[in-house]
Amino acid sequence: MKLVPLGDRVVLKQLEAEETTKSGIVLPGQAQEKPQQAEVIAVGPGGVVEGKEVKMEVAVGNKVIYSKYAGTEVKLDGEEYIIVKQSDILAIVE
């Protein structure tokens, strides 16, 4: 099965959280903060959203930083994804 986003939506796959701090302390799963970095898996076509023309500025394979409480989490074929609006993406990591 494949997710195909509509309008200005983007499907993201969250990158793994770091398990150790910079000083070398290993964090248990509950103490790890969810990372706000993700990889773009699929991009919608853009188009007219709320009367404004939306040009998609991200592409499949980009690594991005997104808003902390943005999007909808979905689980498909045992994988977890987040569907967000393009406006919830803050930056592309190069």
N, C-alpha and C. Protein backbone atom coordinates (compact mmCIF):
# COMPACT_ATOMS: atom_id res chain seq x y z
N MET A 1 0.84 -1.18 0.00
CA MET A 1 0.00 0.00 0.00
C MET A 1 0.88 1.24 0.00
N LYS A 2 0.39 2.33 -0.58
CA LYS A 2 1.18 3.54 -0.75
C LYS A 2 0.35 4.75 -0.34
N LEU A 3 0.97 5.70 0.37
CA LEU A 3 0.29 6.94 0.75
C LEU A 3 0.52 7.98 -0.34
N VAL A 4 -0.56 8.58 -0.82
CA VAL A 4 -0.47 9.64 -1.82
C VAL A 4 -1.16 10.88 -1.23
N PRO A 5 -0.37 11.89 -0.81
CA PRO A 5 -0.97 13.07 -0.19
C PRO A 5 -1.70 13.95 -1.19
N LEU A 6 -2.70 14.65 -0.71
CA LEU A 6 -3.49 15.56 -1.54
C LEU A 6 -3.13 17.00 -1.24
N GLY A 7 -3.37 17.89 -2.20
CA GLY A 7 -3.14 19.32 -1.99
C GLY A 7 -1.72 19.64 -1.58
N ASP A 8 -1.60 20.42 -0.50
CA ASP A 8 -0.26 20.85 -0.04
C ASP A 8 0.25 19.98 1.10
N ARG A 9 -0.19 18.72 1.15
CA ARG A 9 0.23 17.80 2.21
C ARG A 9 1.53 17.09 1.84
N VAL A 10 2.29 16.70 2.88
CA VAL A 10 3.57 16.01 2.71
C VAL A 10 3.59 14.84 3.69
N VAL A 11 4.04 13.66 3.23
CA VAL A 11 4.18 12.49 4.10
C VAL A 11 5.63 12.42 4.56
N LEU A 12 5.82 12.34 5.89
CA LEU A 12 7.16 12.30 6.48
C LEU A 12 7.37 11.01 7.24
N LYS A 13 8.59 10.54 7.27
CA LYS A 13 8.99 9.40 8.11
C LYS A 13 10.00 9.94 9.09
N GLN A 14 9.64 9.88 10.37
CA GLN A 14 10.48 10.45 11.42
C GLN A 14 11.83 9.75 11.51
N LEU A 15 12.89 10.53 11.68
CA LEU A 15 14.22 9.97 11.86
C LEU A 15 14.35 9.45 13.28
N GLU A 16 15.22 8.48 13.49
CA GLU A 16 15.40 7.86 14.80
C GLU A 16 15.95 8.85 15.82
N ALA A 17 15.47 8.74 17.06
CA ALA A 17 15.97 9.58 18.15
C ALA A 17 17.34 9.09 18.59
N GLU A 18 18.17 10.03 19.02
CA GLU A 18 19.47 9.64 19.55
C GLU A 18 19.28 8.94 20.88
N GLU A 19 20.03 7.87 21.10
CA GLU A 19 19.89 7.10 22.33
C GLU A 19 20.88 7.50 23.40
N THR A 20 21.86 8.34 23.05
CA THR A 20 22.83 8.79 24.04
C THR A 20 22.96 10.31 23.96
N THR A 21 23.29 10.91 25.09
CA THR A 21 23.52 12.36 25.10
C THR A 21 24.95 12.63 24.64
N LYS A 22 25.29 13.90 24.45
CA LYS A 22 26.64 14.25 24.02
C LYS A 22 27.68 13.80 25.04
N SER A 23 27.29 13.74 26.31
CA SER A 23 28.24 13.33 27.34
C SER A 23 28.31 11.81 27.50
N GLY A 24 27.51 11.06 26.71
CA GLY A 24 27.59 9.61 26.71
C GLY A 24 26.57 8.90 27.58
N ILE A 25 25.61 9.62 28.15
CA ILE A 25 24.57 9.00 28.97
C ILE A 25 23.54 8.34 28.06
N VAL A 26 23.24 7.06 28.31
CA VAL A 26 22.26 6.33 27.51
C VAL A 26 20.87 6.65 28.04
N LEU A 27 19.97 7.05 27.13
CA LEU A 27 18.61 7.40 27.52
C LEU A 27 17.66 6.24 27.29
N PRO A 28 16.78 5.93 28.27
CA PRO A 28 15.76 4.92 28.03
C PRO A 28 14.73 5.46 27.04
N GLY A 29 13.94 4.58 26.44
CA GLY A 29 12.97 4.98 25.42
C GLY A 29 12.02 6.07 25.85
N GLN A 30 11.56 6.05 27.12
CA GLN A 30 10.58 7.04 27.57
C GLN A 30 11.20 8.43 27.73
N ALA A 31 12.49 8.49 28.02
CA ALA A 31 13.15 9.78 28.25
C ALA A 31 13.55 10.47 26.95
N GLN A 32 13.54 9.73 25.85
CA GLN A 32 13.95 10.31 24.58
C GLN A 32 12.87 11.24 24.06
N GLU A 33 13.28 12.42 23.65
CA GLU A 33 12.33 13.34 23.05
C GLU A 33 12.19 12.98 21.58
N LYS A 34 10.96 13.04 21.07
CA LYS A 34 10.76 12.74 19.65
C LYS A 34 11.51 13.76 18.81
N PRO A 35 12.27 13.31 17.84
CA PRO A 35 12.99 14.27 17.00
C PRO A 35 12.01 15.00 16.10
N GLN A 36 12.37 16.21 15.73
CA GLN A 36 11.54 16.98 14.82
C GLN A 36 12.12 16.95 13.42
N GLN A 37 13.03 16.00 13.19
CA GLN A 37 13.60 15.82 11.86
C GLN A 37 12.95 14.61 11.22
N ALA A 38 12.72 14.71 9.92
CA ALA A 38 12.09 13.61 9.20
C ALA A 38 12.56 13.62 7.75
N GLU A 39 12.31 12.50 7.09
CA GLU A 39 12.60 12.39 5.67
C GLU A 39 11.28 12.46 4.91
N VAL A 40 11.27 13.18 3.80
CA VAL A 40 10.07 13.32 2.97
C VAL A 40 9.88 12.03 2.17
N ILE A 41 8.73 11.40 2.32
CA ILE A 41 8.42 10.15 1.64
C ILE A 41 7.56 10.39 0.40
N ALA A 42 6.61 11.33 0.50
CA ALA A 42 5.72 11.65 -0.63
C ALA A 42 5.29 13.11 -0.53
N VAL A 43 5.04 13.73 -1.68
CA VAL A 43 4.65 15.14 -1.73
C VAL A 43 3.39 15.27 -2.57
N GLY A 44 2.43 16.06 -2.06
CA GLY A 44 1.19 16.32 -2.80
C GLY A 44 1.45 17.21 -4.00
N PRO A 45 0.44 17.40 -4.85
CA PRO A 45 0.61 18.17 -6.08
C PRO A 45 0.63 19.68 -5.89
N GLY A 46 0.25 20.17 -4.70
CA GLY A 46 0.15 21.62 -4.51
C GLY A 46 -1.18 22.09 -5.06
N GLY A 47 -1.17 23.18 -5.80
CA GLY A 47 -2.41 23.68 -6.38
C GLY A 47 -2.94 24.87 -5.61
N VAL A 48 -4.25 25.07 -5.65
CA VAL A 48 -4.89 26.18 -4.98
C VAL A 48 -5.43 25.70 -3.64
N VAL A 49 -4.93 26.30 -2.55
CA VAL A 49 -5.38 25.96 -1.21
C VAL A 49 -5.86 27.23 -0.54
N GLU A 50 -7.11 27.25 -0.12
CA GLU A 50 -7.73 28.42 0.50
C GLU A 50 -7.59 29.66 -0.37
N GLY A 51 -7.77 29.49 -1.68
CA GLY A 51 -7.73 30.61 -2.61
C GLY A 51 -6.35 31.10 -3.00
N LYS A 52 -5.30 30.45 -2.51
CA LYS A 52 -3.94 30.88 -2.83
C LYS A 52 -3.20 29.76 -3.56
N GLU A 53 -2.40 30.15 -4.55
CA GLU A 53 -1.59 29.18 -5.29
C GLU A 53 -0.46 28.67 -4.40
N VAL A 54 -0.33 27.34 -4.27
CA VAL A 54 0.71 26.75 -3.45
C VAL A 54 1.67 25.97 -4.34
N LYS A 55 2.95 26.37 -4.32
CA LYS A 55 3.99 25.66 -5.07
C LYS A 55 4.74 24.80 -4.07
N MET A 56 4.89 23.53 -4.36
CA MET A 56 5.57 22.62 -3.43
C MET A 56 7.08 22.88 -3.50
N GLU A 57 7.68 23.12 -2.32
CA GLU A 57 9.10 23.46 -2.25
C GLU A 57 9.95 22.33 -1.70
N VAL A 58 9.34 21.24 -1.29
CA VAL A 58 10.09 20.08 -0.80
C VAL A 58 9.96 18.95 -1.82
N ALA A 59 10.91 18.03 -1.80
CA ALA A 59 10.91 16.91 -2.73
C ALA A 59 11.14 15.62 -1.95
N VAL A 60 10.75 14.51 -2.55
CA VAL A 60 10.97 13.20 -1.94
C VAL A 60 12.46 13.03 -1.68
N GLY A 61 12.80 12.57 -0.47
CA GLY A 61 14.19 12.34 -0.11
C GLY A 61 14.80 13.48 0.69
N ASN A 62 14.16 14.69 0.69
CA ASN A 62 14.67 15.80 1.50
C ASN A 62 14.58 15.44 2.98
N LYS A 63 15.54 15.91 3.75
CA LYS A 63 15.47 15.82 5.21
C LYS A 63 14.98 17.18 5.68
N VAL A 64 13.96 17.20 6.54
CA VAL A 64 13.33 18.45 6.95
C VAL A 64 13.16 18.52 8.46
N ILE A 65 12.95 19.73 8.95
CA ILE A 65 12.58 19.98 10.34
C ILE A 65 11.15 20.51 10.30
N TYR A 66 10.28 19.94 11.13
CA TYR A 66 8.88 20.34 11.13
C TYR A 66 8.44 20.80 12.51
N SER A 67 7.31 21.49 12.59
CA SER A 67 6.77 22.00 13.85
C SER A 67 6.50 20.86 14.81
N LYS A 68 6.71 21.12 16.08
CA LYS A 68 6.63 20.08 17.12
C LYS A 68 5.28 19.37 17.19
N TYR A 69 4.20 20.11 17.13
CA TYR A 69 2.87 19.50 17.29
C TYR A 69 2.09 19.44 15.98
N ALA A 70 2.80 19.40 14.87
CA ALA A 70 2.17 19.43 13.56
C ALA A 70 1.77 18.04 13.09
N GLY A 71 0.78 18.00 12.23
CA GLY A 71 0.47 16.80 11.48
C GLY A 71 -0.38 15.75 12.17
N THR A 72 -0.61 14.70 11.42
CA THR A 72 -1.39 13.56 11.86
C THR A 72 -0.54 12.32 11.71
N GLU A 73 -0.42 11.56 12.79
CA GLU A 73 0.37 10.34 12.76
C GLU A 73 -0.49 9.20 12.23
N VAL A 74 0.05 8.43 11.29
CA VAL A 74 -0.65 7.27 10.74
C VAL A 74 0.29 6.07 10.73
N LYS A 75 -0.30 4.88 10.86
CA LYS A 75 0.50 3.65 10.82
C LYS A 75 0.00 2.85 9.62
N LEU A 76 0.94 2.44 8.76
CA LEU A 76 0.59 1.72 7.55
C LEU A 76 1.62 0.63 7.31
N ASP A 77 1.19 -0.60 7.21
CA ASP A 77 2.08 -1.74 6.98
C ASP A 77 3.21 -1.81 8.02
N GLY A 78 2.88 -1.51 9.28
CA GLY A 78 3.86 -1.59 10.36
C GLY A 78 4.82 -0.41 10.45
N GLU A 79 4.69 0.56 9.56
CA GLU A 79 5.55 1.75 9.56
C GLU A 79 4.72 2.95 10.05
N GLU A 80 5.37 3.86 10.76
CA GLU A 80 4.69 5.07 11.23
C GLU A 80 5.09 6.26 10.37
N TYR A 81 4.09 7.04 9.97
CA TYR A 81 4.31 8.22 9.14
C TYR A 81 3.59 9.40 9.76
N ILE A 82 3.97 10.60 9.35
CA ILE A 82 3.31 11.82 9.77
C ILE A 82 2.91 12.57 8.50
N ILE A 83 1.65 12.98 8.43
CA ILE A 83 1.17 13.76 7.29
C ILE A 83 1.01 15.20 7.77
N VAL A 84 1.74 16.12 7.15
CA VAL A 84 1.71 17.53 7.54
C VAL A 84 1.43 18.41 6.34
N LYS A 85 0.98 19.64 6.60
CA LYS A 85 0.88 20.63 5.54
C LYS A 85 2.28 21.16 5.28
N GLN A 86 2.53 21.59 4.06
CA GLN A 86 3.85 22.12 3.73
C GLN A 86 4.20 23.30 4.63
N SER A 87 3.21 24.09 5.04
CA SER A 87 3.49 25.25 5.90
C SER A 87 3.98 24.85 7.29
N ASP A 88 3.78 23.57 7.70
CA ASP A 88 4.28 23.10 8.99
C ASP A 88 5.75 22.70 8.92
N ILE A 89 6.32 22.65 7.72
CA ILE A 89 7.74 22.34 7.56
C ILE A 89 8.51 23.64 7.70
N LEU A 90 9.47 23.64 8.64
CA LEU A 90 10.20 24.86 8.97
C LEU A 90 11.45 25.05 8.13
N ALA A 91 12.15 23.94 7.79
CA ALA A 91 13.41 24.06 7.06
C ALA A 91 13.76 22.75 6.39
N ILE A 92 14.59 22.84 5.35
CA ILE A 92 15.18 21.67 4.70
C ILE A 92 16.60 21.57 5.22
N VAL A 93 17.00 20.38 5.66
CA VAL A 93 18.37 20.16 6.18
C VAL A 93 19.25 19.73 5.02
N GLU A 94 20.30 20.49 4.76
CA GLU A 94 21.21 20.17 3.65
C GLU A 94 22.52 19.63 4.17
